[in-house]
Every structure is written in C-alpha cells, then in structure tokens.
C-alpha atoms as a PDB file:
ATOM      1  CA  UNK A   1      14.382   1.136 -26.426  1.00  0.00           C
ATOM      2  CA  UNK A   2      13.149  -0.369 -23.153  1.00  0.00           C
ATOM      3  CA  UNK A   3      11.196   1.492 -20.663  1.00  0.00           C
ATOM      4  CA  UNK A   4      12.383   0.889 -17.115  1.00  0.00           C
ATOM      5  CA  UNK A   5       9.711   0.749 -14.580  1.00  0.00           C
ATOM      6  CA  UNK A   6       9.682  -0.042 -10.815  1.00  0.00           C
ATOM      7  CA  UNK A   7      12.471  -2.231  -9.710  1.00  0.00           C
ATOM      8  CA  UNK A   8      14.153  -2.267 -13.143  1.00  0.00           C
ATOM      9  CA  UNK A   9      11.287  -4.266 -14.596  1.00  0.00           C
ATOM     10  CA  UNK A  10      10.403  -3.519 -18.284  1.00  0.00           C
ATOM     11  CA  UNK A  11       7.145  -3.872 -19.969  1.00  0.00           C
ATOM     12  CA  UNK A  12       7.762  -7.380 -21.223  1.00  0.00           C
ATOM     13  CA  UNK A  13       8.697  -8.651 -17.718  1.00  0.00           C
ATOM     14  CA  UNK A  14       5.526  -7.063 -16.232  1.00  0.00           C
ATOM     15  CA  UNK A  15       3.503  -8.545 -18.892  1.00  0.00           C
ATOM     16  CA  UNK A  16       5.121 -12.113 -18.264  1.00  0.00           C
ATOM     17  CA  UNK A  17       4.406 -11.700 -14.534  1.00  0.00           C
ATOM     18  CA  UNK A  18       0.698 -10.899 -15.274  1.00  0.00           C
ATOM     19  CA  UNK A  19       0.324 -13.891 -17.457  1.00  0.00           C
ATOM     20  CA  UNK A  20       1.846 -16.236 -14.931  1.00  0.00           C
ATOM     21  CA  UNK A  21      -0.575 -14.719 -12.295  1.00  0.00           C
ATOM     22  CA  UNK A  22      -3.456 -15.265 -14.585  1.00  0.00           C
ATOM     23  CA  UNK A  23      -2.380 -18.963 -15.139  1.00  0.00           C
ATOM     24  CA  UNK A  24      -1.857 -19.645 -11.567  1.00  0.00           C
ATOM     25  CA  UNK A  25      -5.039 -18.109 -10.196  1.00  0.00           C
ATOM     26  CA  UNK A  26      -7.353 -18.136 -13.083  1.00  0.00           C
ATOM     27  CA  UNK A  27      -9.604 -15.390 -14.308  1.00  0.00           C
ATOM     28  CA  UNK A  28     -12.209 -15.888 -11.589  1.00  0.00           C
ATOM     29  CA  UNK A  29     -10.040 -15.574  -8.530  1.00  0.00           C
ATOM     30  CA  UNK A  30      -8.101 -12.413  -9.717  1.00  0.00           C
ATOM     31  CA  UNK A  31     -10.955 -10.069  -8.985  1.00  0.00           C
ATOM     32  CA  UNK A  32     -11.272 -11.542  -5.463  1.00  0.00           C
ATOM     33  CA  UNK A  33      -7.549 -11.154  -4.941  1.00  0.00           C
ATOM     34  CA  UNK A  34      -7.547  -7.517  -5.991  1.00  0.00           C
ATOM     35  CA  UNK A  35     -10.500  -6.737  -3.659  1.00  0.00           C
ATOM     36  CA  UNK A  36      -8.500  -8.294  -0.694  1.00  0.00           C
ATOM     37  CA  UNK A  37      -5.392  -6.321  -1.851  1.00  0.00           C
ATOM     38  CA  UNK A  38      -7.511  -3.168  -1.992  1.00  0.00           C
ATOM     39  CA  UNK A  39      -8.988  -3.824   1.529  1.00  0.00           C
ATOM     40  CA  UNK A  40      -5.367  -4.336   2.810  1.00  0.00           C
ATOM     41  CA  UNK A  41      -4.138  -1.096   1.173  1.00  0.00           C
ATOM     42  CA  UNK A  42      -7.059   0.930   2.555  1.00  0.00           C
ATOM     43  CA  UNK A  43      -6.662  -0.508   6.096  1.00  0.00           C
ATOM     44  CA  UNK A  44      -2.843   0.181   5.922  1.00  0.00           C
ATOM     45  CA  UNK A  45      -3.610   3.763   4.749  1.00  0.00           C
ATOM     46  CA  UNK A  46      -6.170   4.232   7.549  1.00  0.00           C
ATOM     47  CA  UNK A  47      -3.792   3.145  10.264  1.00  0.00           C
ATOM     48  CA  UNK A  48      -1.109   5.409   8.648  1.00  0.00           C
ATOM     49  CA  UNK A  49      -3.476   8.380   8.785  1.00  0.00           C
ATOM     50  CA  UNK A  50      -4.423   7.593  12.293  1.00  0.00           C
ATOM     51  CA  UNK A  51      -0.887   7.453  13.640  1.00  0.00           C
ATOM     52  CA  UNK A  52      -0.030  10.724  11.700  1.00  0.00           C
ATOM     53  CA  UNK A  53      -2.977  12.451  13.428  1.00  0.00           C
ATOM     54  CA  UNK A  54      -2.053  11.174  16.883  1.00  0.00           C
ATOM     55  CA  UNK A  55       1.606  12.397  16.377  1.00  0.00           C
ATOM     56  CA  UNK A  56       0.279  15.842  15.064  1.00  0.00           C
ATOM     57  CA  UNK A  57      -1.880  16.161  18.107  1.00  0.00           C
ATOM     58  CA  UNK A  58       0.872  15.109  20.464  1.00  0.00           C
ATOM     59  CA  UNK A  59       3.114  17.862  18.904  1.00  0.00           C
ATOM     60  CA  UNK A  60       0.486  20.494  19.277  1.00  0.00           C
ATOM     61  CA  UNK A  61      -0.212  19.649  22.946  1.00  0.00           C
ATOM     62  CA  UNK A  62       1.880  22.039  25.225  1.00  0.00           C
ATOM     63  CA  UNK A  63       3.569  20.298  28.132  1.00  0.00           C
ATOM     64  CA  UNK A  64       2.056  21.169  31.607  1.00  0.00           C
ATOM     65  CA  UNK A  65       4.222  23.127  33.756  1.00  0.00           C
ATOM     66  CA  UNK A  66       5.086  21.720  37.136  1.00  0.00           C
ATOM     67  CA  UNK A  67       3.240  23.685  39.806  1.00  0.00           C
ATOM     68  CA  UNK A  68       5.262  22.454  42.741  1.00  0.00           C
END
C-alpha cells in the first residue's frame, strides 16, 4: 500500500529526495536554506495580502459621478 502525496510522490521518493539534499548541502547549510525559504514565502504572502487588500479597497470605492 503506497501513500500518494503531492505530485504523485510517495514516502520513499520524498525520503530519497531529502537524503540527496542532505548529501548535496550538508547538515550545516540546511537550516540557512530553510530560513531563506521561509523569508521568501513570508514576503510572497505579504505581497499577496497587500494586493488582495488593494483590490478589496478598489471594489469598495464608489465611482464618482460626472458633474458636468
């Protein structure tokens, strides 16, 4: 019985990928890489929230009537 996860990868494939990453970068570099990834995700979410807020504001604003 094989558990299928994201993109059709099972548990053995994910473990193999993690081992390869560990071998390539070493144990000392992985926390630094994860911090950078976390910062990138946080910046992306902040930008996404900002755009969402701007769109919501734009939808709430009533268009001004032409007073000509």
